[in-house]
């Protein structure tokens, strides 16, 4: 196993973390019970994984309960992350990033996980119905009470995350250190703005669904679509992406995988680990052999040719305003080449698209 720092903290976590959405039956996303959960947690820990990510909403608390049971006697050796924000019952006050709901859910998560502290407590999404300051002050209180060590955000757009960070700085509150975000070869939207935001603020990105709900495992192609009985076949696309582009990416994954004698899934995870600002990639599996294969991605070294092939197959283009930012800062500003020559290796990170200098 290989390890990295969790964002800009001193805490060290494994490059891959064990995801737990498949534990429990109430979400129908794995239906693994206690015996299977305990076995998979042991397999992960034996491989060197020291980071487990769950959430209160996963099977409505069942996942946390199963993980807590599996970690008996091992809790202090493991970095445990969980989340709060999504509905936990029919009562509308059992939802959101309100002070009332966070204080209730932290106690419930601690009880289910059989611990007196959470290493990383994450807000599962933006709450447009709650004042941001209310959320941030409540999280700060939890850190000061010792119930939470670090806090993180999840599934926010750049302006939301930046607003939160700046408010935390202005009020002297505990700051977010991680961002749990979707990122994959068929979902590279993170590169538009959020990745740059994370690098600027030293936020560690925790990637969820690097295999796009199993599509990038390479098991499904144009001629062999997902059969019934699989999560992809029964539930459809776990995350949205253009199917034709997806098949093109799978073809590229198969080519790279053949070069290395590896699986397409392992290649897809290795590609994700090589991207900027990544602290850890969350992996999940229902079968022990799939978990083992995913873990082995940390040892797969992709060549520059491999990366170029995968990048080209998955290239989403660059939307405005990012292309203008790059145009002005990288192509037209002469200081950049002097101060950051490494960025211009092999032709540079951005070429002047307009051909002539702009005088506007």
Protein backbone atom coordinates (compact mmCIF):
# COMPACT_ATOMS: atom_id res chain seq x y z
CA UNK A 1 0.00 0.00 0.00
CA UNK A 2 1.04 3.60 -0.58
CA UNK A 3 0.00 6.58 1.54
CA UNK A 4 -0.64 10.31 1.25
CA UNK A 5 -1.50 13.21 3.53
CA UNK A 6 -5.16 13.95 4.04
CA UNK A 7 -5.35 17.35 2.40
CA UNK A 8 -3.20 19.90 4.19
CA UNK A 9 -3.25 18.01 7.50
CA UNK A 10 -0.64 15.84 9.13
CA UNK A 11 -2.91 12.79 9.00
CA UNK A 12 -1.70 10.02 6.69
CA UNK A 13 -4.18 7.86 4.78
CA UNK A 14 -3.93 5.03 2.27
CA UNK A 15 -4.12 5.97 -1.40
CA UNK A 16 -7.29 3.94 -1.67
CA UNK A 17 -10.02 4.01 0.96
CA UNK A 18 -12.68 1.38 1.57
CA UNK A 19 -16.12 2.60 0.56
CA UNK A 20 -19.13 1.18 2.38
CA UNK A 21 -22.25 1.92 0.38
CA UNK A 22 -22.51 -1.81 -0.40
CA UNK A 23 -22.87 -2.70 3.28
CA UNK A 24 -26.48 -3.12 4.36
CA UNK A 25 -29.71 -3.87 2.54
CA UNK A 26 -31.86 -0.75 2.68
CA UNK A 27 -30.33 0.90 -0.42
CA UNK A 28 -30.15 -2.28 -2.54
CA UNK A 29 -26.61 -1.42 -3.63
CA UNK A 30 -24.78 -4.47 -2.42
CA UNK A 31 -26.85 -6.07 0.32
CA UNK A 32 -23.79 -7.30 2.21
CA UNK A 33 -24.52 -8.40 5.77
CA UNK A 34 -22.35 -8.48 8.87
CA UNK A 35 -20.33 -11.56 7.94
CA UNK A 36 -19.45 -10.22 4.48
CA UNK A 37 -18.76 -6.74 5.87
CA UNK A 38 -16.40 -8.03 8.54
CA UNK A 39 -14.58 -10.19 6.00
CA UNK A 40 -14.19 -7.31 3.54
CA UNK A 41 -13.02 -4.87 6.23
CA UNK A 42 -10.41 -7.41 7.35
CA UNK A 43 -9.27 -7.90 3.76
CA UNK A 44 -8.89 -4.15 3.33
CA UNK A 45 -6.95 -3.70 6.57
CA UNK A 46 -4.70 -6.68 5.79
CA UNK A 47 -3.81 -5.02 2.47
CA UNK A 48 -2.69 -1.84 4.25
CA UNK A 49 -5.83 0.28 3.87
CA UNK A 50 -6.21 2.48 6.96
CA UNK A 51 -9.08 4.67 5.73
CA UNK A 52 -12.79 3.76 5.71
CA UNK A 53 -15.51 6.06 4.38
CA UNK A 54 -19.18 5.72 5.22
CA UNK A 55 -22.25 7.94 5.75
CA UNK A 56 -25.28 8.04 8.01
CA UNK A 57 -27.58 7.69 5.00
CA UNK A 58 -25.98 4.51 3.64
CA UNK A 59 -28.76 1.98 4.19
CA UNK A 60 -30.16 4.49 6.71
CA UNK A 61 -27.51 3.81 9.33
CA UNK A 62 -27.07 0.10 8.70
CA UNK A 63 -23.71 0.58 6.98
CA UNK A 64 -22.32 2.49 9.97
CA UNK A 65 -23.58 -0.23 12.32
CA UNK A 66 -21.95 -3.01 10.28
CA UNK A 67 -18.67 -1.09 10.04
CA UNK A 68 -18.70 -0.38 13.77
CA UNK A 69 -19.10 -4.06 14.52
CA UNK A 70 -16.33 -4.97 12.09
CA UNK A 71 -13.91 -2.51 13.71
CA UNK A 72 -14.26 -3.74 17.29
CA UNK A 73 -10.82 -3.70 18.86
CA UNK A 74 -9.34 -1.92 15.82
CA UNK A 75 -10.95 1.53 15.92
CA UNK A 76 -7.87 3.48 17.02
CA UNK A 77 -5.81 2.02 14.17
CA UNK A 78 -8.18 3.25 11.48
CA UNK A 79 -9.14 6.63 10.00
CA UNK A 80 -12.95 6.67 9.90
CA UNK A 81 -14.93 9.15 7.83
CA UNK A 82 -18.68 9.59 7.74
CA UNK A 83 -21.18 12.16 6.48
CA UNK A 84 -24.30 14.11 7.38
CA UNK A 85 -26.91 16.08 5.44
CA UNK A 86 -29.26 13.70 3.58
CA UNK A 87 -32.71 12.64 4.89
CA UNK A 88 -32.70 10.01 7.65
CA UNK A 89 -36.45 9.68 8.05
CA UNK A 90 -39.87 11.03 7.11
CA UNK A 91 -39.62 13.96 9.53
CA UNK A 92 -38.40 16.94 7.50
CA UNK A 93 -36.21 18.13 10.39
CA UNK A 94 -34.23 14.88 10.11
CA UNK A 95 -32.54 16.29 7.03
CA UNK A 96 -30.17 19.09 6.10
CA UNK A 97 -27.06 20.74 7.49
CA UNK A 98 -28.95 22.43 10.33
CA UNK A 99 -27.58 22.67 13.85
CA UNK A 100 -30.39 20.46 15.12
CA UNK A 101 -29.83 17.74 12.53
CA UNK A 102 -26.02 17.74 12.71
CA UNK A 103 -26.04 17.49 16.51
CA UNK A 104 -28.54 14.63 16.33
CA UNK A 105 -26.74 12.76 13.58
CA UNK A 106 -23.26 13.01 15.08
CA UNK A 107 -24.56 11.27 18.21
CA UNK A 108 -26.28 8.59 16.14
CA UNK A 109 -23.16 8.02 14.01
CA UNK A 110 -20.94 7.76 17.08
CA UNK A 111 -23.31 5.21 18.58
CA UNK A 112 -23.57 3.12 15.42
CA UNK A 113 -19.82 3.20 14.79
CA UNK A 114 -19.15 2.41 18.48
CA UNK A 115 -16.63 5.22 18.87
CA UNK A 116 -16.33 8.49 20.72
CA UNK A 117 -14.87 10.47 17.82
CA UNK A 118 -15.00 10.71 14.02
CA UNK A 119 -11.72 11.36 12.20
CA UNK A 120 -13.34 13.11 9.22
CA UNK A 121 -16.90 14.44 9.36
CA UNK A 122 -18.23 15.53 5.98
CA UNK A 123 -21.26 17.56 4.92
CA UNK A 124 -22.82 15.47 2.18
CA UNK A 125 -23.95 18.40 0.04
CA UNK A 126 -24.96 22.05 -0.10
CA UNK A 127 -28.01 23.02 1.97
CA UNK A 128 -29.78 25.97 0.36
CA UNK A 129 -32.36 26.03 3.18
CA UNK A 130 -29.92 26.59 6.05
CA UNK A 131 -27.68 29.60 6.69
CA UNK A 132 -24.11 28.58 5.89
CA UNK A 133 -22.81 30.15 9.11
CA UNK A 134 -25.13 27.90 11.14
CA UNK A 135 -23.61 24.81 9.53
CA UNK A 136 -20.01 25.97 9.88
CA UNK A 137 -20.33 27.07 13.51
CA UNK A 138 -21.90 23.71 14.41
CA UNK A 139 -19.04 21.80 12.76
CA UNK A 140 -16.54 24.00 14.59
CA UNK A 141 -18.26 23.18 17.88
CA UNK A 142 -17.93 19.46 17.18
CA UNK A 143 -14.19 19.79 16.62
CA UNK A 144 -13.76 21.82 19.81
CA UNK A 145 -15.78 19.24 21.76
CA UNK A 146 -13.46 16.47 20.53
CA UNK A 147 -16.21 14.55 18.75
CA UNK A 148 -14.68 15.31 15.34
CA UNK A 149 -11.03 15.64 14.34
CA UNK A 150 -11.34 17.14 10.84
CA UNK A 151 -14.20 18.33 8.64
CA UNK A 152 -14.81 17.99 4.94
CA UNK A 153 -17.31 18.93 2.25
CA UNK A 154 -18.85 16.85 -0.51
CA UNK A 155 -20.61 17.46 -3.82
CA UNK A 156 -20.30 21.26 -3.85
CA UNK A 157 -19.57 23.51 -6.82
CA UNK A 158 -16.54 25.76 -6.62
CA UNK A 159 -18.27 28.98 -5.55
CA UNK A 160 -20.06 27.17 -2.71
CA UNK A 161 -16.85 25.60 -1.43
CA UNK A 162 -14.89 28.85 -1.77
CA UNK A 163 -17.62 30.80 0.05
CA UNK A 164 -17.52 28.30 2.92
CA UNK A 165 -13.73 28.40 3.20
CA UNK A 166 -13.64 32.19 3.18
CA UNK A 167 -16.38 32.39 5.83
CA UNK A 168 -14.48 29.92 8.00
CA UNK A 169 -11.34 32.03 7.65
CA UNK A 170 -13.17 35.27 8.42
CA UNK A 171 -14.90 33.86 11.51
CA UNK A 172 -11.88 31.92 12.76
CA UNK A 173 -13.66 28.58 12.44
CA UNK A 174 -12.27 25.13 11.76
CA UNK A 175 -11.72 24.83 8.01
CA UNK A 176 -12.66 22.14 5.55
CA UNK A 177 -9.63 19.99 4.71
CA UNK A 178 -11.16 17.61 2.15
CA UNK A 179 -13.69 17.52 -0.65
CA UNK A 180 -15.34 14.21 -1.52
CA UNK A 181 -16.23 14.49 -5.19
CA UNK A 182 -17.17 12.35 -8.17
CA UNK A 183 -14.33 12.00 -10.68
CA UNK A 184 -13.67 9.43 -13.38
CA UNK A 185 -12.50 9.01 -16.96
CA UNK A 186 -16.09 9.51 -18.11
CA UNK A 187 -16.76 12.30 -15.61
CA UNK A 188 -13.97 14.87 -15.76
CA UNK A 189 -16.08 17.91 -14.90
CA UNK A 190 -14.00 18.37 -11.74
CA UNK A 191 -11.22 19.69 -13.95
CA UNK A 192 -13.22 22.71 -15.10
CA UNK A 193 -12.83 24.67 -11.88
CA UNK A 194 -12.94 22.56 -8.74
CA UNK A 195 -9.54 20.94 -9.10
CA UNK A 196 -7.88 24.34 -9.36
CA UNK A 197 -9.83 25.53 -6.32
CA UNK A 198 -8.66 22.49 -4.35
CA UNK A 199 -5.03 23.06 -5.30
CA UNK A 200 -5.22 26.75 -4.37
CA UNK A 201 -6.70 26.08 -0.92
CA UNK A 202 -4.75 22.83 -0.26
CA UNK A 203 -7.97 20.83 -0.12
CA UNK A 204 -7.51 17.08 -0.51
CA UNK A 205 -9.92 15.51 -2.99
CA UNK A 206 -11.45 12.17 -2.03
CA UNK A 207 -12.75 10.56 -5.21
CA UNK A 208 -15.99 8.61 -5.26
CA UNK A 209 -17.06 6.32 -8.13
CA UNK A 210 -13.77 6.34 -10.03
CA UNK A 211 -15.22 3.41 -12.00
CA UNK A 212 -18.44 5.29 -12.82
CA UNK A 213 -20.66 2.82 -11.02
CA UNK A 214 -18.79 -0.17 -12.46
CA UNK A 215 -18.93 0.88 -16.11
CA UNK A 216 -15.14 1.36 -16.31
CA UNK A 217 -14.50 -2.18 -15.09
CA UNK A 218 -14.45 -3.03 -18.79
CA UNK A 219 -17.08 -5.73 -18.40
CA UNK A 220 -19.58 -3.83 -20.53
CA UNK A 221 -19.01 -2.92 -24.17
CA UNK A 222 -21.05 -1.96 -27.22
CA UNK A 223 -21.57 -5.63 -28.06
CA UNK A 224 -21.86 -6.88 -24.48
CA UNK A 225 -24.07 -4.48 -22.46
CA UNK A 226 -24.64 -4.96 -18.75
CA UNK A 227 -26.79 -8.02 -18.05
CA UNK A 228 -29.57 -8.18 -15.49
CA UNK A 229 -28.38 -9.03 -12.00
CA UNK A 230 -25.57 -6.47 -12.12
CA UNK A 231 -25.88 -3.05 -10.52
CA UNK A 232 -25.36 -1.38 -13.89
CA UNK A 233 -27.82 -3.68 -15.64
CA UNK A 234 -30.55 -3.36 -13.01
CA UNK A 235 -30.16 0.26 -11.95
CA UNK A 236 -28.75 1.87 -15.10
CA UNK A 237 -26.05 4.53 -15.06
CA UNK A 238 -25.04 5.31 -11.49
CA UNK A 239 -23.60 8.62 -12.75
CA UNK A 240 -24.52 10.42 -16.00
CA UNK A 241 -22.18 10.29 -18.98
CA UNK A 242 -22.33 10.05 -22.74
CA UNK A 243 -22.53 6.33 -23.52
CA UNK A 244 -20.68 6.53 -26.84
CA UNK A 245 -17.81 8.42 -25.23
CA UNK A 246 -17.90 5.84 -22.45
CA UNK A 247 -17.39 2.96 -24.86
CA UNK A 248 -14.50 4.86 -26.45
CA UNK A 249 -12.90 5.18 -23.02
CA UNK A 250 -13.44 1.48 -22.31
CA UNK A 251 -11.65 0.65 -25.58
CA UNK A 252 -8.68 2.79 -24.48
CA UNK A 253 -8.71 1.17 -21.02
CA UNK A 254 -8.65 -2.27 -22.59
CA UNK A 255 -5.64 -1.30 -24.72
CA UNK A 256 -3.68 0.05 -21.75
CA UNK A 257 -4.71 -2.87 -19.56
CA UNK A 258 -3.40 -5.34 -22.13
CA UNK A 259 -0.02 -3.57 -22.16
CA UNK A 260 0.31 -3.98 -18.40
CA UNK A 261 -1.39 -7.31 -17.89
CA UNK A 262 -3.89 -5.56 -15.66
CA UNK A 263 -7.65 -5.08 -15.54
CA UNK A 264 -9.37 -2.00 -17.03
CA UNK A 265 -10.65 -1.18 -13.53
CA UNK A 266 -7.13 -1.10 -12.15
CA UNK A 267 -6.03 1.19 -14.98
CA UNK A 268 -8.97 3.56 -14.41
CA UNK A 269 -8.17 3.88 -10.70
CA UNK A 270 -4.44 4.34 -11.39
CA UNK A 271 -5.27 7.16 -13.83
CA UNK A 272 -7.38 8.86 -11.15
CA UNK A 273 -4.60 8.54 -8.56
CA UNK A 274 -2.27 10.39 -10.92
CA UNK A 275 -4.44 13.51 -11.14
CA UNK A 276 -3.77 16.72 -9.15
CA UNK A 277 -4.94 17.28 -5.56
CA UNK A 278 -6.07 13.68 -4.94
CA UNK A 279 -5.69 12.48 -1.34
CA UNK A 280 -7.41 9.11 -1.77
CA UNK A 281 -9.68 7.19 -4.13
CA UNK A 282 -12.63 5.45 -2.49
CA UNK A 283 -13.08 1.91 -3.77
CA UNK A 284 -15.95 -0.46 -3.11
CA UNK A 285 -16.73 -4.01 -4.14
CA UNK A 286 -19.16 -6.82 -3.47
CA UNK A 287 -16.67 -9.59 -4.26
CA UNK A 288 -13.28 -10.07 -2.51
CA UNK A 289 -11.45 -10.57 -5.81
CA UNK A 290 -12.76 -7.26 -7.14
CA UNK A 291 -11.64 -5.46 -3.99
CA UNK A 292 -8.18 -7.03 -4.30
CA UNK A 293 -7.91 -5.97 -7.93
CA UNK A 294 -8.92 -2.39 -7.11
CA UNK A 295 -6.37 -2.21 -4.29
CA UNK A 296 -3.60 -3.28 -6.66
CA UNK A 297 -4.13 -0.08 -8.69
CA UNK A 298 -1.79 1.73 -6.27
CA UNK A 299 1.14 -0.25 -7.70
CA UNK A 300 0.28 0.28 -11.37
CA UNK A 301 2.60 2.83 -13.02
CA UNK A 302 1.08 4.28 -16.19
CA UNK A 303 3.44 5.55 -18.86
CA UNK A 304 3.10 8.97 -20.50
CA UNK A 305 1.75 7.22 -23.61
CA UNK A 306 -0.84 5.44 -21.49
CA UNK A 307 -2.01 8.69 -19.95
CA UNK A 308 -2.11 10.48 -23.31
CA UNK A 309 -4.27 7.72 -24.78
CA UNK A 310 -6.70 7.79 -21.85
CA UNK A 311 -6.80 11.58 -21.79
CA UNK A 312 -7.57 11.76 -25.50
CA UNK A 313 -10.34 9.16 -25.33
CA UNK A 314 -12.01 10.92 -22.40
CA UNK A 315 -11.32 14.56 -23.34
CA UNK A 316 -14.44 16.57 -22.42
CA UNK A 317 -13.17 19.82 -23.92
CA UNK A 318 -12.60 22.99 -21.96
CA UNK A 319 -15.63 25.22 -21.29
CA UNK A 320 -15.70 28.95 -20.73
CA UNK A 321 -14.43 30.59 -18.53
CA UNK A 322 -11.60 28.10 -17.98
CA UNK A 323 -10.32 28.36 -21.53
CA UNK A 324 -10.17 32.15 -21.21
CA UNK A 325 -8.34 31.90 -17.87
CA UNK A 326 -5.76 29.60 -19.46
CA UNK A 327 -5.56 31.75 -22.56
CA UNK A 328 -4.77 34.91 -20.63
CA UNK A 329 -2.63 33.45 -17.85
CA UNK A 330 -0.71 30.79 -19.74
CA UNK A 331 -0.64 31.62 -23.45
CA UNK A 332 -0.53 35.42 -23.37
CA UNK A 333 1.28 36.28 -20.14
CA UNK A 334 5.06 36.09 -20.82
CA UNK A 335 5.86 35.78 -17.10
CA UNK A 336 4.38 32.30 -16.92
CA UNK A 337 7.04 30.77 -19.16
CA UNK A 338 9.78 32.38 -17.07
CA UNK A 339 8.35 31.45 -13.67
CA UNK A 340 6.93 28.01 -14.52
CA UNK A 341 8.96 26.49 -17.38
CA UNK A 342 7.95 22.98 -16.32
CA UNK A 343 4.39 23.71 -17.43
CA UNK A 344 5.55 24.16 -21.01
CA UNK A 345 7.21 20.80 -21.42
CA UNK A 346 6.17 19.06 -24.66
CA UNK A 347 4.47 22.14 -26.05
CA UNK A 348 2.84 23.50 -22.93
CA UNK A 349 -0.42 23.12 -21.11
CA UNK A 350 -2.30 25.51 -23.37
CA UNK A 351 -1.79 26.82 -26.88
CA UNK A 352 -2.86 30.26 -28.03
CA UNK A 353 -6.10 29.51 -29.87
CA UNK A 354 -6.49 32.92 -31.43
CA UNK A 355 -3.25 32.95 -33.37
CA UNK A 356 -2.56 36.65 -32.93
CA UNK A 357 -2.32 38.81 -29.87
CA UNK A 358 -5.56 40.19 -28.59
CA UNK A 359 -5.60 43.91 -28.02
CA UNK A 360 -9.01 44.03 -26.39
